[in-house]
Amino acid sequence: MAQPWAALKWRAILAHRSEVARVGPLPGLLACLPEAERNKIIHTEFFTRLSPAPAPGDPHRLIA
Protein backbone atom coordinates (compact mmCIF):
# COMPACT_ATOMS: atom_id res chain seq x y z
CA MET A 1 0.00 0.00 0.00
CA ALA A 2 1.32 3.44 -0.92
CA GLN A 3 0.04 5.12 2.23
CA PRO A 4 2.93 7.55 2.76
CA TRP A 5 2.30 8.92 -0.72
CA ALA A 6 -1.51 9.06 -0.66
CA ALA A 7 -1.77 12.62 0.69
CA LEU A 8 0.86 13.81 -1.77
CA LYS A 9 -0.95 12.12 -4.67
CA TRP A 10 -4.26 13.70 -3.64
CA ARG A 11 -2.66 17.17 -3.41
CA ALA A 12 -1.18 16.66 -6.88
CA ILE A 13 -4.61 15.73 -8.24
CA LEU A 14 -6.21 18.76 -6.58
CA ALA A 15 -3.58 21.01 -8.16
CA HIS A 16 -5.39 20.48 -11.47
CA ARG A 17 -8.35 22.67 -10.43
CA SER A 18 -9.96 22.84 -13.85
CA GLU A 19 -10.01 19.04 -14.08
CA VAL A 20 -11.32 18.60 -10.53
CA ALA A 21 -14.16 21.02 -11.29
CA ARG A 22 -15.38 18.83 -14.18
CA VAL A 23 -17.13 15.55 -13.36
CA GLY A 24 -15.97 13.62 -16.45
CA PRO A 25 -12.19 13.46 -15.94
CA LEU A 26 -10.75 11.21 -13.23
CA PRO A 27 -9.84 14.10 -10.87
CA GLY A 28 -13.46 15.27 -10.89
CA LEU A 29 -14.76 11.75 -10.32
CA LEU A 30 -12.39 11.27 -7.39
CA ALA A 31 -13.44 14.59 -5.85
CA CYS A 32 -17.09 13.44 -5.85
CA LEU A 33 -16.36 10.21 -3.98
CA PRO A 34 -16.53 9.78 -0.21
CA GLU A 35 -13.04 10.00 1.31
CA ALA A 36 -12.87 6.27 2.17
CA GLU A 37 -13.62 5.21 -1.42
CA ARG A 38 -11.27 7.85 -2.85
CA ASN A 39 -8.46 6.67 -0.57
CA LYS A 40 -8.98 3.06 -1.66
CA ILE A 41 -8.48 4.13 -5.28
CA ILE A 42 -5.52 6.40 -4.56
CA HIS A 43 -3.82 3.63 -2.55
CA THR A 44 -4.09 1.18 -5.45
CA GLU A 45 -1.43 1.18 -8.15
CA PHE A 46 -0.82 -1.10 -11.10
CA PHE A 47 2.14 -1.13 -13.42
CA THR A 48 2.41 -2.68 -16.86
CA ARG A 49 5.80 -3.56 -18.27
CA LEU A 50 5.98 -2.41 -21.85
CA SER A 51 9.60 -3.07 -22.66
CA PRO A 52 11.23 -5.49 -22.50
CA ALA A 53 8.19 -7.70 -22.87
CA PRO A 54 7.77 -10.96 -20.94
CA ALA A 55 8.52 -14.12 -22.88
CA PRO A 56 5.45 -15.97 -24.19
CA GLY A 57 4.42 -18.59 -21.65
CA ASP A 58 6.92 -17.36 -19.02
CA PRO A 59 6.06 -13.98 -17.50
CA HIS A 60 9.21 -14.08 -15.35
CA ARG A 61 11.60 -14.28 -18.33
CA LEU A 62 12.03 -11.14 -20.40
CA ILE A 63 12.58 -10.84 -24.12
CA ALA A 64 15.69 -8.77 -24.73
C-alpha atoms as a PDB file:
ATOM      1  CA  MET A   1       0.000   0.000   0.000  1.00  0.00           C
ATOM      2  CA  ALA A   2       1.319   3.438  -0.921  1.00  0.00           C
ATOM      3  CA  GLN A   3       0.042   5.119   2.226  1.00  0.00           C
ATOM      4  CA  PRO A   4       2.926   7.555   2.760  1.00  0.00           C
ATOM      5  CA  TRP A   5       2.299   8.917  -0.720  1.00  0.00           C
ATOM      6  CA  ALA A   6      -1.514   9.058  -0.664  1.00  0.00           C
ATOM      7  CA  ALA A   7      -1.775  12.618   0.691  1.00  0.00           C
ATOM      8  CA  LEU A   8       0.863  13.811  -1.774  1.00  0.00           C
ATOM      9  CA  LYS A   9      -0.949  12.121  -4.671  1.00  0.00           C
ATOM     10  CA  TRP A  10      -4.264  13.700  -3.645  1.00  0.00           C
ATOM     11  CA  ARG A  11      -2.661  17.169  -3.410  1.00  0.00           C
ATOM     12  CA  ALA A  12      -1.183  16.658  -6.875  1.00  0.00           C
ATOM     13  CA  ILE A  13      -4.608  15.727  -8.245  1.00  0.00           C
ATOM     14  CA  LEU A  14      -6.213  18.762  -6.578  1.00  0.00           C
ATOM     15  CA  ALA A  15      -3.577  21.009  -8.158  1.00  0.00           C
ATOM     16  CA  HIS A  16      -5.391  20.478 -11.466  1.00  0.00           C
ATOM     17  CA  ARG A  17      -8.345  22.668 -10.428  1.00  0.00           C
ATOM     18  CA  SER A  18      -9.960  22.844 -13.852  1.00  0.00           C
ATOM     19  CA  GLU A  19     -10.008  19.042 -14.083  1.00  0.00           C
ATOM     20  CA  VAL A  20     -11.319  18.604 -10.533  1.00  0.00           C
ATOM     21  CA  ALA A  21     -14.164  21.024 -11.291  1.00  0.00           C
ATOM     22  CA  ARG A  22     -15.376  18.825 -14.177  1.00  0.00           C
ATOM     23  CA  VAL A  23     -17.126  15.555 -13.359  1.00  0.00           C
ATOM     24  CA  GLY A  24     -15.971  13.623 -16.454  1.00  0.00           C
ATOM     25  CA  PRO A  25     -12.188  13.457 -15.939  1.00  0.00           C
ATOM     26  CA  LEU A  26     -10.750  11.213 -13.229  1.00  0.00           C
ATOM     27  CA  PRO A  27      -9.839  14.095 -10.866  1.00  0.00           C
ATOM     28  CA  GLY A  28     -13.465  15.268 -10.894  1.00  0.00           C
ATOM     29  CA  LEU A  29     -14.756  11.755 -10.318  1.00  0.00           C
ATOM     30  CA  LEU A  30     -12.385  11.272  -7.390  1.00  0.00           C
ATOM     31  CA  ALA A  31     -13.438  14.588  -5.854  1.00  0.00           C
ATOM     32  CA  CYS A  32     -17.086  13.437  -5.846  1.00  0.00           C
ATOM     33  CA  LEU A  33     -16.357  10.210  -3.975  1.00  0.00           C
ATOM     34  CA  PRO A  34     -16.535   9.784  -0.208  1.00  0.00           C
ATOM     35  CA  GLU A  35     -13.045   9.996   1.308  1.00  0.00           C
ATOM     36  CA  ALA A  36     -12.866   6.274   2.172  1.00  0.00           C
ATOM     37  CA  GLU A  37     -13.616   5.208  -1.417  1.00  0.00           C
ATOM     38  CA  ARG A  38     -11.267   7.846  -2.853  1.00  0.00           C
ATOM     39  CA  ASN A  39      -8.464   6.670  -0.567  1.00  0.00           C
ATOM     40  CA  LYS A  40      -8.983   3.059  -1.657  1.00  0.00           C
ATOM     41  CA  ILE A  41      -8.483   4.125  -5.285  1.00  0.00           C
ATOM     42  CA  ILE A  42      -5.517   6.399  -4.558  1.00  0.00           C
ATOM     43  CA  HIS A  43      -3.817   3.631  -2.547  1.00  0.00           C
ATOM     44  CA  THR A  44      -4.092   1.175  -5.451  1.00  0.00           C
ATOM     45  CA  GLU A  45      -1.432   1.180  -8.150  1.00  0.00           C
ATOM     46  CA  PHE A  46      -0.819  -1.105 -11.096  1.00  0.00           C
ATOM     47  CA  PHE A  47       2.136  -1.131 -13.422  1.00  0.00           C
ATOM     48  CA  THR A  48       2.413  -2.684 -16.863  1.00  0.00           C
ATOM     49  CA  ARG A  49       5.804  -3.561 -18.267  1.00  0.00           C
ATOM     50  CA  LEU A  50       5.982  -2.407 -21.854  1.00  0.00           C
ATOM     51  CA  SER A  51       9.602  -3.065 -22.662  1.00  0.00           C
ATOM     52  CA  PRO A  52      11.227  -5.493 -22.502  1.00  0.00           C
ATOM     53  CA  ALA A  53       8.186  -7.702 -22.872  1.00  0.00           C
ATOM     54  CA  PRO A  54       7.765 -10.961 -20.940  1.00  0.00           C
ATOM     55  CA  ALA A  55       8.524 -14.123 -22.883  1.00  0.00           C
ATOM     56  CA  PRO A  56       5.454 -15.966 -24.193  1.00  0.00           C
ATOM     57  CA  GLY A  57       4.423 -18.593 -21.654  1.00  0.00           C
ATOM     58  CA  ASP A  58       6.920 -17.363 -19.021  1.00  0.00           C
ATOM     59  CA  PRO A  59       6.061 -13.982 -17.500  1.00  0.00           C
ATOM     60  CA  HIS A  60       9.209 -14.079 -15.348  1.00  0.00           C
ATOM     61  CA  ARG A  61      11.601 -14.275 -18.327  1.00  0.00           C
ATOM     62  CA  LEU A  62      12.033 -11.137 -20.402  1.00  0.00           C
ATOM     63  CA  ILE A  63      12.580 -10.844 -24.115  1.00  0.00           C
ATOM     64  CA  ALA A  64      15.691  -8.774 -24.725  1.00  0.00           C
END
